[in-house]
C-alpha atoms as a PDB file:
ATOM      1  CA  MET A   1       4.226  13.533 -36.346  1.00  0.00           C
ATOM      2  CA  SER A   2       5.228  11.590 -33.540  1.00  0.00           C
ATOM      3  CA  TYR A   3       7.348  12.088 -30.603  1.00  0.00           C
ATOM      4  CA  TYR A   4       8.173   8.369 -30.118  1.00  0.00           C
ATOM      5  CA  SER A   5       8.673   5.664 -32.260  1.00  0.00           C
ATOM      6  CA  GLU A   6       8.478   2.083 -32.037  1.00  0.00           C
ATOM      7  CA  THR A   7      11.508   1.141 -30.695  1.00  0.00           C
ATOM      8  CA  SER A   8      11.270   3.968 -27.603  1.00  0.00           C
ATOM      9  CA  ILE A   9       8.241   1.944 -26.096  1.00  0.00           C
ATOM     10  CA  LYS A  10       9.771  -0.562 -23.590  1.00  0.00           C
ATOM     11  CA  HIS A  11       6.892  -2.542 -22.980  1.00  0.00           C
ATOM     12  CA  PRO A  12       3.333  -2.528 -25.001  1.00  0.00           C
ATOM     13  CA  ILE A  13       0.795  -0.336 -23.621  1.00  0.00           C
ATOM     14  CA  GLN A  14      -3.228  -0.940 -24.106  1.00  0.00           C
ATOM     15  CA  LYS A  15      -5.201   1.590 -24.653  1.00  0.00           C
ATOM     16  CA  ILE A  16      -8.733   0.190 -22.233  1.00  0.00           C
ATOM     17  CA  THR A  17     -12.456   0.988 -22.041  1.00  0.00           C
ATOM     18  CA  TYR A  18     -13.682   2.846 -18.839  1.00  0.00           C
ATOM     19  CA  GLU A  19     -15.360  -0.329 -18.169  1.00  0.00           C
ATOM     20  CA  GLU A  20     -12.526  -2.436 -18.044  1.00  0.00           C
ATOM     21  CA  ALA A  21      -9.973  -0.229 -15.934  1.00  0.00           C
ATOM     22  CA  LYS A  22     -12.049  -0.390 -13.110  1.00  0.00           C
ATOM     23  CA  GLN A  23     -10.863  -3.964 -12.471  1.00  0.00           C
ATOM     24  CA  TYR A  24      -7.352  -2.162 -12.453  1.00  0.00           C
ATOM     25  CA  ILE A  25      -6.083  -0.270  -9.602  1.00  0.00           C
ATOM     26  CA  PRO A  26      -4.862   3.296 -11.109  1.00  0.00           C
ATOM     27  CA  LEU A  27      -1.014   4.393 -10.876  1.00  0.00           C
ATOM     28  CA  LYS A  28      -2.279   7.716  -8.623  1.00  0.00           C
ATOM     29  CA  GLU A  29      -3.896   5.293  -5.954  1.00  0.00           C
ATOM     30  CA  ASP A  30      -0.697   2.846  -5.847  1.00  0.00           C
ATOM     31  CA  TYR A  31       1.887   3.075  -3.528  1.00  0.00           C
ATOM     32  CA  THR A  32       3.914  -0.109  -5.092  1.00  0.00           C
ATOM     33  CA  GLY A  33       6.518   2.138  -6.666  1.00  0.00           C
ATOM     34  CA  VAL A  34       5.078   0.880 -10.076  1.00  0.00           C
ATOM     35  CA  THR A  35       5.991   3.752 -12.363  1.00  0.00           C
ATOM     36  CA  VAL A  36       3.690   5.253 -15.488  1.00  0.00           C
ATOM     37  CA  ASP A  37       6.249   3.444 -17.881  1.00  0.00           C
ATOM     38  CA  LYS A  38       5.558   0.214 -16.502  1.00  0.00           C
ATOM     39  CA  CYS A  39       1.881   0.616 -16.839  1.00  0.00           C
ATOM     40  CA  PRO A  40       0.326  -1.784 -19.008  1.00  0.00           C
ATOM     41  CA  TYR A  41      -3.300   0.272 -19.597  1.00  0.00           C
ATOM     42  CA  TYR A  42      -4.499   3.614 -19.682  1.00  0.00           C
ATOM     43  CA  THR A  43      -8.248   5.372 -20.501  1.00  0.00           C
ATOM     44  CA  MET A  44      -8.558   8.535 -22.394  1.00  0.00           C
ATOM     45  CA  THR A  45     -11.735  10.876 -20.835  1.00  0.00           C
ATOM     46  CA  GLU A  46     -12.834  14.042 -22.337  1.00  0.00           C
ATOM     47  CA  GLY A  47     -12.078  16.492 -18.990  1.00  0.00           C
ATOM     48  CA  GLU A  48     -14.121  19.355 -17.806  1.00  0.00           C
ATOM     49  CA  ASP A  49     -13.155  21.852 -19.583  1.00  0.00           C
ATOM     50  CA  GLY A  50     -12.185  20.072 -22.804  1.00  0.00           C
ATOM     51  CA  TRP A  51      -9.039  18.803 -22.272  1.00  0.00           C
ATOM     52  CA  THR A  52      -7.901  14.601 -22.741  1.00  0.00           C
ATOM     53  CA  LEU A  53      -7.346  12.907 -19.450  1.00  0.00           C
ATOM     54  CA  VAL A  54      -5.073  10.686 -19.444  1.00  0.00           C
ATOM     55  CA  THR A  55      -5.510   7.834 -16.458  1.00  0.00           C
ATOM     56  CA  TYR A  56      -2.791   4.808 -16.150  1.00  0.00           C
ATOM     57  CA  TYR A  57      -3.530   1.647 -14.618  1.00  0.00           C
ATOM     58  CA  THR A  58      -1.243  -0.786 -13.176  1.00  0.00           C
ATOM     59  CA  GLY A  59      -1.527  -4.719 -14.093  1.00  0.00           C
ATOM     60  CA  ARG A  60      -2.744  -4.903 -10.514  1.00  0.00           C
ATOM     61  CA  LYS A  61      -6.413  -6.265 -10.106  1.00  0.00           C
ATOM     62  CA  ARG A  62      -8.471  -4.748  -7.649  1.00  0.00           C
ATOM     63  CA  ALA A  63     -10.324  -7.856  -5.318  1.00  0.00           C
ATOM     64  CA  ARG A  64      -7.924 -10.201  -6.725  1.00  0.00           C
ATOM     65  CA  TYR A  65      -8.080 -12.622  -3.644  1.00  0.00           C
ATOM     66  CA  VAL A  66     -11.936 -12.539  -4.284  1.00  0.00           C
ATOM     67  CA  ASN A  67     -11.892 -15.664  -4.813  1.00  0.00           C
ATOM     68  CA  LEU A  68      -9.339 -17.147  -2.644  1.00  0.00           C
ATOM     69  CA  ASP A  69     -10.414 -20.264  -0.539  1.00  0.00           C
ATOM     70  CA  LYS A  70      -8.199 -19.839   2.238  1.00  0.00           C
ATOM     71  CA  GLU A  71      -7.776 -17.665   5.388  1.00  0.00           C
ATOM     72  CA  TYR A  72      -6.159 -14.838   5.230  1.00  0.00           C
ATOM     73  CA  ASP A  73      -2.592 -15.300   5.584  1.00  0.00           C
ATOM     74  CA  SER A  74      -0.957 -12.277   7.064  1.00  0.00           C
ATOM     75  CA  TRP A  75      -1.511  -8.895   9.356  1.00  0.00           C
ATOM     76  CA  VAL A  76      -0.503  -5.571   9.362  1.00  0.00           C
ATOM     77  CA  TYR A  77      -0.720  -4.075  12.990  1.00  0.00           C
ATOM     78  CA  VAL A  78      -0.164  -0.774  14.209  1.00  0.00           C
ATOM     79  CA  ILE A  79       1.494  -0.807  17.713  1.00  0.00           C
ATOM     80  CA  SER A  80       2.414   1.604  20.376  1.00  0.00           C
ATOM     81  CA  ASN A  81       5.148   1.875  23.310  1.00  0.00           C
ATOM     82  CA  PRO A  82       4.515   4.219  26.276  1.00  0.00           C
ATOM     83  CA  SER A  83       8.691   4.499  26.206  1.00  0.00           C
ATOM     84  CA  ILE A  84       8.379   6.228  22.440  1.00  0.00           C
ATOM     85  CA  PRO A  85       5.480   8.429  22.714  1.00  0.00           C
ATOM     86  CA  GLY A  86       3.980  10.212  19.849  1.00  0.00           C
ATOM     87  CA  GLN A  87       5.306   7.653  17.734  1.00  0.00           C
ATOM     88  CA  ILE A  88       3.899   4.462  16.537  1.00  0.00           C
ATOM     89  CA  LYS A  89       5.780   1.322  14.427  1.00  0.00           C
ATOM     90  CA  ILE A  90       3.563   0.100  11.291  1.00  0.00           C
ATOM     91  CA  GLY A  91       4.742  -3.289  10.073  1.00  0.00           C
ATOM     92  CA  TYR A  92       3.388  -7.148   9.200  1.00  0.00           C
ATOM     93  CA  THR A  93       3.300 -10.250  10.598  1.00  0.00           C
ATOM     94  CA  ASP A  94       2.590 -13.901   9.652  1.00  0.00           C
ATOM     95  CA  LEU A  95       2.383 -14.675  12.988  1.00  0.00           C
ATOM     96  CA  THR A  96       0.071 -12.911  15.426  1.00  0.00           C
ATOM     97  CA  PRO A  97      -0.194  -9.186  15.963  1.00  0.00           C
ATOM     98  CA  GLU A  98      -0.202  -9.876  19.548  1.00  0.00           C
ATOM     99  CA  LYS A  99       2.711 -12.805  19.126  1.00  0.00           C
ATOM    100  CA  ARG A 100       5.013  -9.469  17.067  1.00  0.00           C
ATOM    101  CA  ALA A 101       4.710  -7.670  20.054  1.00  0.00           C
ATOM    102  CA  GLN A 102       6.045  -9.958  22.581  1.00  0.00           C
ATOM    103  CA  GLN A 103       8.987 -10.337  20.191  1.00  0.00           C
ATOM    104  CA  LEU A 104      10.040  -6.792  19.492  1.00  0.00           C
ATOM    105  CA  SER A 105       9.325  -6.373  23.787  1.00  0.00           C
ATOM    106  CA  ARG A 106      12.271  -9.159  23.786  1.00  0.00           C
ATOM    107  CA  SER A 107      14.461  -6.929  22.832  1.00  0.00           C
ATOM    108  CA  THR A 108      16.848  -5.182  25.424  1.00  0.00           C
ATOM    109  CA  GLY A 109      17.123  -2.067  23.904  1.00  0.00           C
ATOM    110  CA  VAL A 110      13.049  -1.493  24.576  1.00  0.00           C
ATOM    111  CA  PRO A 111      12.402  -0.465  28.600  1.00  0.00           C
ATOM    112  CA  THR A 112       8.603  -1.222  28.461  1.00  0.00           C
ATOM    113  CA  PRO A 113       6.351  -3.575  26.134  1.00  0.00           C
ATOM    114  CA  PHE A 114       5.048  -2.674  23.202  1.00  0.00           C
ATOM    115  CA  ILE A 115       0.745  -2.539  22.812  1.00  0.00           C
ATOM    116  CA  VAL A 116      -0.836  -3.516  19.572  1.00  0.00           C
ATOM    117  CA  GLU A 117      -3.321  -0.585  19.045  1.00  0.00           C
ATOM    118  CA  TRP A 118      -4.659  -2.393  16.156  1.00  0.00           C
ATOM    119  CA  ALA A 119      -4.372  -4.895  13.187  1.00  0.00           C
ATOM    120  CA  PHE A 120      -5.836  -5.842   9.826  1.00  0.00           C
ATOM    121  CA  HIS A 121      -6.273  -9.298   8.646  1.00  0.00           C
ATOM    122  CA  CYS A 122      -5.432  -9.498   4.823  1.00  0.00           C
ATOM    123  CA  PHE A 123      -3.422 -11.491   2.111  1.00  0.00           C
ATOM    124  CA  ASN A 124       0.053 -10.235   1.014  1.00  0.00           C
ATOM    125  CA  GLY A 125       0.888  -8.041   4.519  1.00  0.00           C
ATOM    126  CA  ALA A 126       4.365  -7.551   3.182  1.00  0.00           C
ATOM    127  CA  GLN A 127       3.431  -5.605  -0.108  1.00  0.00           C
ATOM    128  CA  LEU A 128       0.238  -3.772   1.805  1.00  0.00           C
ATOM    129  CA  GLU A 129       3.025  -2.299   4.401  1.00  0.00           C
ATOM    130  CA  GLY A 130       4.894  -1.260   1.453  1.00  0.00           C
ATOM    131  CA  GLU A 131       2.534   0.364   0.385  1.00  0.00           C
ATOM    132  CA  VAL A 132       1.572   1.779   3.880  1.00  0.00           C
ATOM    133  CA  HIS A 133       5.073   3.042   4.484  1.00  0.00           C
ATOM    134  CA  ARG A 134       5.647   4.818   0.793  1.00  0.00           C
ATOM    135  CA  TYR A 135       1.848   6.576   1.259  1.00  0.00           C
ATOM    136  CA  LEU A 136       3.253   7.807   4.553  1.00  0.00           C
ATOM    137  CA  GLU A 137       6.564   8.565   4.242  1.00  0.00           C
ATOM    138  CA  ALA A 138       6.374  12.198   4.789  1.00  0.00           C
ATOM    139  CA  SER A 139       5.429  10.878   8.634  1.00  0.00           C
ATOM    140  CA  ARG A 140       8.508   8.384   9.113  1.00  0.00           C
ATOM    141  CA  VAL A 141      10.816   8.833  11.554  1.00  0.00           C
ATOM    142  CA  SER A 142      14.223   7.378  10.116  1.00  0.00           C
ATOM    143  CA  GLY A 143      14.096   5.859   6.790  1.00  0.00           C
ATOM    144  CA  ASN A 144      15.201   2.566   7.957  1.00  0.00           C
ATOM    145  CA  ARG A 145      12.817   2.393  10.390  1.00  0.00           C
ATOM    146  CA  GLU A 146       8.861   1.687  10.899  1.00  0.00           C
ATOM    147  CA  PHE A 147       8.017   4.323  13.054  1.00  0.00           C
ATOM    148  CA  PHE A 148       5.698   7.477  12.575  1.00  0.00           C
ATOM    149  CA  ASP A 149       5.025  10.293  13.966  1.00  0.00           C
ATOM    150  CA  THR A 150       1.330  10.266  12.808  1.00  0.00           C
ATOM    151  CA  SER A 151      -1.934   9.506  15.013  1.00  0.00           C
ATOM    152  CA  ILE A 152      -3.022   5.728  15.238  1.00  0.00           C
ATOM    153  CA  SER A 153      -6.575   7.144  13.485  1.00  0.00           C
ATOM    154  CA  GLU A 154      -4.096   8.133  10.435  1.00  0.00           C
ATOM    155  CA  ALA A 155      -2.234   5.365  10.377  1.00  0.00           C
ATOM    156  CA  ARG A 156      -5.441   3.062  10.417  1.00  0.00           C
ATOM    157  CA  ASP A 157      -7.609   5.044   7.686  1.00  0.00           C
ATOM    158  CA  THR A 158      -4.641   4.449   5.324  1.00  0.00           C
ATOM    159  CA  ILE A 159      -4.399   0.621   6.095  1.00  0.00           C
ATOM    160  CA  VAL A 160      -7.942   0.194   5.609  1.00  0.00           C
ATOM    161  CA  ARG A 161      -7.644   2.286   2.214  1.00  0.00           C
ATOM    162  CA  PHE A 162      -5.319   0.281   0.701  1.00  0.00           C
ATOM    163  CA  GLY A 163      -6.187  -2.521   2.344  1.00  0.00           C
ATOM    164  CA  GLN A 164      -9.242  -2.769   0.246  1.00  0.00           C
ATOM    165  CA  ASN A 165      -7.031  -4.600  -2.309  1.00  0.00           C
ATOM    166  CA  TYR A 166      -5.775  -7.309  -0.495  1.00  0.00           C
ATOM    167  CA  LEU A 167      -8.979  -8.824   1.147  1.00  0.00           C
END
Protein backbone atom coordinates (compact mmCIF):
# COMPACT_ATOMS: atom_id res chain seq x y z
CA MET A 1 0.00 0.00 0.00
CA SER A 2 1.35 3.42 -0.93
CA TYR A 3 1.14 6.37 1.43
CA TYR A 4 1.56 8.88 -1.38
CA SER A 5 -0.48 9.31 -4.49
CA GLU A 6 1.08 10.37 -7.77
CA THR A 7 -0.57 13.78 -7.40
CA SER A 8 0.87 14.42 -3.92
CA ILE A 9 4.44 14.58 -5.27
CA LYS A 10 5.24 18.21 -6.04
CA HIS A 11 8.28 17.49 -8.17
CA PRO A 12 9.83 14.38 -9.62
CA ILE A 13 12.47 12.73 -7.46
CA GLN A 14 14.87 10.28 -9.03
CA LYS A 15 16.77 7.43 -7.47
CA ILE A 16 20.43 7.58 -8.51
CA THR A 17 23.40 5.30 -7.98
CA TYR A 18 26.04 5.93 -5.34
CA GLU A 19 28.51 6.78 -8.14
CA GLU A 20 26.13 9.32 -9.66
CA ALA A 21 25.49 10.80 -6.21
CA LYS A 22 29.17 11.70 -5.77
CA GLN A 23 28.70 14.66 -8.11
CA TYR A 24 25.91 16.19 -5.98
CA ILE A 25 25.85 17.84 -2.56
CA PRO A 26 23.89 15.81 0.02
CA LEU A 27 21.11 17.70 1.77
CA LYS A 28 22.77 17.14 5.16
CA GLU A 29 25.84 19.07 3.91
CA ASP A 30 23.85 21.88 2.31
CA TYR A 31 23.11 25.09 4.17
CA THR A 32 21.55 27.08 1.33
CA GLY A 33 18.06 26.58 2.72
CA VAL A 34 17.01 23.78 0.37
CA THR A 35 14.48 21.45 1.99
CA VAL A 36 13.92 17.75 1.39
CA ASP A 37 10.83 18.42 -0.70
CA LYS A 38 13.02 20.30 -3.20
CA CYS A 39 15.69 17.59 -3.56
CA PRO A 40 15.64 16.01 -7.01
CA TYR A 41 17.73 12.92 -6.15
CA TYR A 42 18.11 10.22 -3.53
CA THR A 43 20.06 7.04 -2.89
CA MET A 44 19.19 4.00 -0.82
CA THR A 45 21.84 1.97 0.97
CA GLU A 46 21.75 -0.65 3.67
CA GLY A 47 22.94 0.56 7.05
CA GLU A 48 25.10 -1.44 9.45
CA ASP A 49 21.99 -2.29 11.46
CA GLY A 50 20.17 -3.67 8.41
CA TRP A 51 17.87 -0.68 8.01
CA THR A 52 17.65 1.06 4.65
CA LEU A 53 19.23 4.51 4.69
CA VAL A 54 17.84 7.15 2.36
CA THR A 55 20.12 10.06 1.48
CA TYR A 56 18.67 13.06 -0.32
CA TYR A 57 20.76 15.17 -2.68
CA THR A 58 20.32 18.75 -3.77
CA GLY A 59 20.56 19.59 -7.43
CA ARG A 60 23.80 21.45 -6.70
CA LYS A 61 26.82 19.83 -8.25
CA ARG A 62 30.16 19.61 -6.55
CA ALA A 63 32.97 21.39 -8.39
CA ARG A 64 30.50 23.22 -10.62
CA TYR A 65 32.97 26.07 -11.13
CA VAL A 66 35.91 23.87 -12.14
CA ASN A 67 35.67 24.55 -15.88
CA LEU A 68 35.33 28.33 -15.66
CA ASP A 69 38.06 30.24 -17.47
CA LYS A 70 37.89 33.35 -15.34
CA GLU A 71 39.12 34.62 -12.01
CA TYR A 72 37.05 34.21 -8.89
CA ASP A 73 34.42 36.93 -8.65
CA SER A 74 34.09 37.53 -4.91
CA TRP A 75 35.46 37.11 -1.42
CA VAL A 76 34.06 35.81 1.85
CA TYR A 77 35.92 37.52 4.65
CA VAL A 78 36.35 37.49 8.41
CA ILE A 79 36.98 40.87 10.01
CA SER A 80 37.25 42.06 13.58
CA ASN A 81 37.18 45.37 15.37
CA PRO A 82 39.03 46.16 18.63
CA SER A 83 35.95 48.10 19.75
CA ILE A 84 33.84 44.92 19.54
CA PRO A 85 35.91 42.34 21.44
CA GLY A 86 34.97 38.67 21.15
CA GLN A 87 32.93 39.15 17.98
CA ILE A 88 33.79 38.82 14.32
CA LYS A 89 31.97 39.84 11.18
CA ILE A 90 31.62 37.33 8.34
CA GLY A 91 30.60 38.85 5.05
CA TYR A 92 31.20 38.82 1.32
CA THR A 93 32.29 41.41 -1.18
CA ASP A 94 32.94 41.81 -4.88
CA LEU A 95 35.70 44.27 -3.93
CA THR A 96 38.81 43.28 -2.00
CA PRO A 97 38.32 42.48 1.69
CA GLU A 98 40.57 45.42 2.56
CA LYS A 99 38.40 47.86 0.60
CA ARG A 100 35.27 46.45 2.23
CA ALA A 101 36.82 46.83 5.69
CA GLN A 102 37.65 50.46 4.84
CA GLN A 103 34.03 51.07 3.76
CA LEU A 104 32.67 49.64 7.01
CA SER A 105 35.21 51.58 9.06
CA ARG A 106 34.00 54.91 7.65
CA SER A 107 30.73 54.69 9.58
CA THR A 108 30.36 57.24 12.35
CA GLY A 109 29.06 54.48 14.64
CA VAL A 110 32.35 52.58 14.57
CA PRO A 111 35.08 54.10 16.80
CA THR A 112 38.01 52.04 15.44
CA PRO A 113 38.78 50.54 12.01
CA PHE A 114 37.95 46.96 11.07
CA ILE A 115 40.84 44.54 10.57
CA VAL A 116 40.79 41.83 7.90
CA GLU A 117 41.60 38.61 9.74
CA TRP A 118 41.16 36.18 6.87
CA ALA A 119 39.58 35.98 3.40
CA PHE A 120 38.54 33.31 0.92
CA HIS A 121 38.53 34.05 -2.83
CA CYS A 122 35.74 32.21 -4.65
CA PHE A 123 32.82 32.24 -7.05
CA ASN A 124 29.36 33.24 -5.76
CA GLY A 125 30.45 34.65 -2.42
CA ALA A 126 26.89 35.72 -1.60
CA GLN A 127 25.67 32.13 -1.59
CA LEU A 128 28.72 30.87 0.31
CA GLU A 129 28.24 33.60 2.90
CA GLY A 130 24.61 32.51 3.33
CA GLU A 131 25.62 28.90 3.92
CA VAL A 132 28.23 29.92 6.48
CA HIS A 133 25.75 32.19 8.27
CA ARG A 134 23.14 29.40 8.48
CA TYR A 135 25.70 26.91 9.75
CA LEU A 136 26.93 29.32 12.45
CA GLU A 137 23.41 30.57 13.33
CA ALA A 138 23.74 29.53 16.98
CA SER A 139 26.73 31.89 17.30
CA ARG A 140 25.03 34.86 15.62
CA VAL A 141 24.93 37.89 17.91
CA SER A 142 21.75 39.36 16.38
CA GLY A 143 19.37 37.84 13.84
CA ASN A 144 19.76 40.54 11.22
CA ARG A 145 23.49 41.19 11.60
CA GLU A 146 26.62 39.47 10.31
CA PHE A 147 28.39 39.42 13.67
CA PHE A 148 29.21 36.14 15.38
CA ASP A 149 30.47 35.15 18.79
CA THR A 150 32.93 32.56 17.50
CA SER A 151 36.66 32.25 16.92
CA ILE A 152 38.46 33.29 13.77
CA SER A 153 39.67 29.70 13.34
CA GLU A 154 36.13 28.27 13.56
CA ALA A 155 34.92 30.84 11.02
CA ARG A 156 37.85 30.04 8.72
CA ASP A 157 37.31 26.27 9.01
CA THR A 158 33.60 26.67 8.24
CA ILE A 159 34.26 28.89 5.22
CA VAL A 160 36.86 26.45 3.87
CA ARG A 161 34.53 23.48 4.45
CA PHE A 162 31.65 24.98 2.47
CA GLY A 163 33.91 27.00 0.20
CA GLN A 164 35.21 23.92 -1.60
CA ASN A 165 31.93 23.97 -3.55
CA TYR A 166 32.64 27.50 -4.77
CA LEU A 167 36.06 27.02 -6.38
